[in-house]
Amino acid sequence: MHVPNDIGGNGTVVRWMKKEGARFQKGEAMFEVETAKTTIRVDAPEAGTLLRITAIEGTAVFSGSAVALYAAEGEPIPPELSEPASPATLVIRLLDEKNRLVTAASVSVDGQELERAPDGAFKIGGLAPTSHTVSVKAPGFLEKILVIRLAEGGTANHELNLISIEGLRGSLR
């Protein structure tokens, strides 16, 4: 299932009307995408069963982006998709230009602020195996916003190198 090509560029998935495992009919409302100008309701292109939502609420999407997997009515459902997805864990370590750990920072995933673990990493579990928007803010460093795709049931370890504002100024001189 895809975001329509006519949304005018990009947007954000703001609501799913169906849950994984739900059956739906052609033309039934499936999800909504908010753009800079409006909110667009996206209807099912055909009857079927929603197997996996790959762009959860709050996920940035572009025209034509895949947001879910579904089986059309009458198609067999693959066994690996018949059960709910296993949650994933995300671990983020922030490093400066000299590969030193940066702990004075805030990290959020899909708008949810993360707690720093005793080892200095930012960790969150129980995430849907899909794409998540990560925002990193640290005093003296450029802000980073990125999208990380998580695999089902696994732990994704990421080291993000931050660029100091002072270092950037020095390189521009």
Protein backbone atom coordinates (compact mmCIF):
# COMPACT_ATOMS: atom_id res chain seq x y z
CA MET A 1 0.00 0.00 0.00
CA HIS A 2 1.43 3.37 -1.01
CA VAL A 3 1.04 7.09 -0.41
CA PRO A 4 -0.72 8.59 -3.45
CA ASN A 5 1.54 10.32 -5.96
CA ASP A 6 -0.68 13.40 -5.96
CA ILE A 7 -0.05 14.55 -2.36
CA GLY A 8 2.31 17.23 -3.62
CA GLY A 9 5.69 16.06 -2.37
CA ASN A 10 5.87 14.96 1.24
CA GLY A 11 3.75 14.62 4.34
CA THR A 12 3.32 12.74 7.60
CA VAL A 13 1.18 9.70 8.37
CA VAL A 14 -1.14 11.06 11.07
CA ARG A 15 -3.65 8.25 11.59
CA TRP A 16 -4.32 4.62 10.71
CA MET A 17 -7.97 3.60 10.66
CA LYS A 18 -7.12 -0.11 10.46
CA LYS A 19 -4.84 -2.28 12.61
CA GLU A 20 -2.57 -5.09 11.44
CA GLY A 21 -4.62 -8.21 10.76
CA ALA A 22 -7.78 -6.26 9.87
CA ARG A 23 -9.77 -7.10 6.76
CA PHE A 24 -10.87 -4.22 4.54
CA GLN A 25 -12.93 -3.55 1.43
CA LYS A 26 -12.01 -1.60 -1.70
CA GLY A 27 -12.54 2.12 -1.07
CA GLU A 28 -12.50 1.79 2.72
CA ALA A 29 -10.49 4.47 4.59
CA MET A 30 -7.07 3.09 5.58
CA PHE A 31 -4.88 5.99 6.75
CA GLU A 32 -4.44 9.76 6.63
CA VAL A 33 -1.44 11.79 5.43
CA GLU A 34 -1.02 15.40 6.49
CA THR A 35 0.76 17.69 4.02
CA ALA A 36 1.68 21.36 4.26
CA LYS A 37 -1.72 22.26 2.82
CA THR A 38 -4.24 19.60 3.87
CA THR A 39 -4.92 16.16 5.34
CA ILE A 40 -5.61 13.45 2.77
CA ARG A 41 -7.57 10.27 3.49
CA VAL A 42 -6.17 7.28 1.62
CA ASP A 43 -8.61 4.51 0.70
CA ALA A 44 -7.89 0.84 0.05
CA PRO A 45 -7.12 0.14 -3.63
CA GLU A 46 -8.78 -3.29 -3.36
CA ALA A 47 -10.22 -5.65 -0.73
CA GLY A 48 -7.75 -7.53 1.44
CA THR A 49 -6.06 -8.01 4.81
CA LEU A 50 -3.60 -5.52 6.34
CA LEU A 51 -0.48 -7.52 7.23
CA ARG A 52 2.18 -4.98 8.29
CA ILE A 53 2.16 -1.23 8.79
CA THR A 54 5.60 -0.02 7.75
CA ALA A 55 5.01 3.72 8.30
CA ILE A 56 3.52 4.27 11.74
CA GLU A 57 1.74 7.45 12.83
CA GLY A 58 4.21 10.33 12.87
CA THR A 59 6.39 8.90 10.07
CA ALA A 60 7.46 11.30 7.32
CA VAL A 61 6.52 9.98 3.86
CA PHE A 62 6.87 11.06 0.24
CA SER A 63 4.63 10.66 -2.78
CA GLY A 64 4.67 6.98 -3.73
CA SER A 65 6.18 5.78 -0.40
CA ALA A 66 5.22 2.25 0.65
CA VAL A 67 3.43 2.44 4.02
CA ALA A 68 2.02 -1.07 4.51
CA LEU A 69 1.98 -4.66 3.27
CA TYR A 70 -1.34 -6.31 2.55
CA ALA A 71 -2.70 -9.47 0.97
CA ALA A 72 -5.41 -8.94 -1.61
CA GLU A 73 -8.65 -10.80 -0.95
CA GLY A 74 -8.24 -14.47 -1.85
CA GLU A 75 -4.41 -14.38 -1.75
CA PRO A 76 -2.67 -16.67 0.75
CA ILE A 77 -1.06 -14.93 3.71
CA PRO A 78 2.63 -15.85 4.11
CA PRO A 79 3.16 -17.66 7.47
CA GLU A 80 5.84 -15.15 8.57
CA LEU A 81 3.28 -12.33 8.22
CA SER A 82 0.35 -14.08 9.91
CA GLU A 83 1.61 -13.22 13.42
CA PRO A 84 2.16 -9.71 14.82
CA ALA A 85 5.64 -8.29 14.28
CA SER A 86 8.19 -8.70 17.08
CA PRO A 87 9.20 -5.34 18.55
CA ALA A 88 12.65 -3.90 17.93
CA THR A 89 15.17 -2.05 20.11
CA LEU A 90 17.15 1.03 19.13
CA VAL A 91 20.47 2.00 20.76
CA ILE A 92 22.10 5.32 19.82
CA ARG A 93 25.56 6.50 20.89
CA LEU A 94 26.55 10.08 20.12
CA LEU A 95 30.19 10.87 19.32
CA ASP A 96 32.03 14.13 18.72
CA GLU A 97 34.67 14.74 16.02
CA LYS A 98 37.31 12.98 18.18
CA ASN A 99 35.05 9.95 18.75
CA ARG A 100 34.38 10.91 22.38
CA LEU A 101 31.00 10.05 23.84
CA VAL A 102 28.55 12.99 23.97
CA THR A 103 26.10 12.62 26.86
CA ALA A 104 24.79 16.19 27.24
CA ALA A 105 22.13 15.75 24.58
CA SER A 106 18.49 14.99 23.99
CA VAL A 107 17.39 12.26 21.62
CA SER A 108 13.80 11.60 20.60
CA VAL A 109 12.24 8.89 18.44
CA ASP A 110 8.96 9.78 16.77
CA GLY A 111 8.63 12.67 19.24
CA GLN A 112 9.23 10.51 22.35
CA GLU A 113 12.19 11.67 24.46
CA LEU A 114 14.70 8.90 25.30
CA GLU A 115 16.44 8.34 28.63
CA ARG A 116 20.21 8.02 28.72
CA ALA A 117 21.45 4.63 29.96
CA PRO A 118 24.32 4.34 32.48
CA ASP A 119 26.73 3.52 29.63
CA GLY A 120 25.92 6.88 27.98
CA ALA A 121 23.83 5.43 25.16
CA PHE A 122 20.22 6.34 24.46
CA LYS A 123 18.03 3.23 24.31
CA ILE A 124 14.39 2.45 23.57
CA GLY A 125 12.68 -0.91 23.21
CA GLY A 126 9.27 -2.06 22.05
CA LEU A 127 9.42 -0.20 18.73
CA ALA A 128 7.50 -1.35 15.70
CA PRO A 129 9.78 -2.85 13.03
CA THR A 130 9.40 0.07 10.64
CA SER A 131 10.93 3.47 9.90
CA HIS A 132 11.30 5.92 12.79
CA THR A 133 12.24 9.60 12.82
CA VAL A 134 15.14 10.34 15.20
CA SER A 135 15.99 13.86 16.38
CA VAL A 136 19.28 14.66 18.14
CA LYS A 137 19.99 17.95 19.90
CA ALA A 138 23.21 18.61 21.80
CA PRO A 139 24.52 22.00 22.99
CA GLY A 140 27.34 23.19 20.73
CA PHE A 141 26.54 20.72 17.93
CA LEU A 142 24.42 20.88 14.79
CA GLU A 143 21.01 19.29 15.19
CA LYS A 144 20.55 15.95 13.43
CA ILE A 145 17.28 14.56 12.12
CA LEU A 146 17.27 11.18 10.42
CA VAL A 147 15.05 8.23 9.62
CA ILE A 148 16.14 4.81 10.84
CA ARG A 149 14.55 1.59 9.61
CA LEU A 150 14.34 -1.17 12.25
CA ALA A 151 14.20 -4.90 11.61
CA GLU A 152 11.71 -7.14 13.35
CA GLY A 153 12.80 -8.45 16.76
CA GLY A 154 16.34 -7.12 16.55
CA THR A 155 18.49 -4.50 18.18
CA ALA A 156 19.81 -1.70 15.98
CA ASN A 157 23.02 -0.12 17.28
CA HIS A 158 23.89 3.27 15.78
CA GLU A 159 26.83 5.56 16.43
CA LEU A 160 26.11 9.09 15.24
CA ASN A 161 28.97 11.50 14.73
CA LEU A 162 27.98 15.03 15.67
CA ILE A 163 29.53 18.12 14.08
CA SER A 164 30.40 20.89 16.50
CA ILE A 165 29.34 24.41 15.58
CA GLU A 166 32.81 25.65 16.54
CA GLY A 167 34.45 23.04 14.28
CA LEU A 168 32.17 24.04 11.42
CA ARG A 169 33.04 27.72 11.89
CA GLY A 170 36.75 26.85 11.83
CA SER A 171 36.40 24.92 8.57
CA LEU A 172 34.66 27.90 6.91
CA ARG A 173 37.50 30.33 7.64
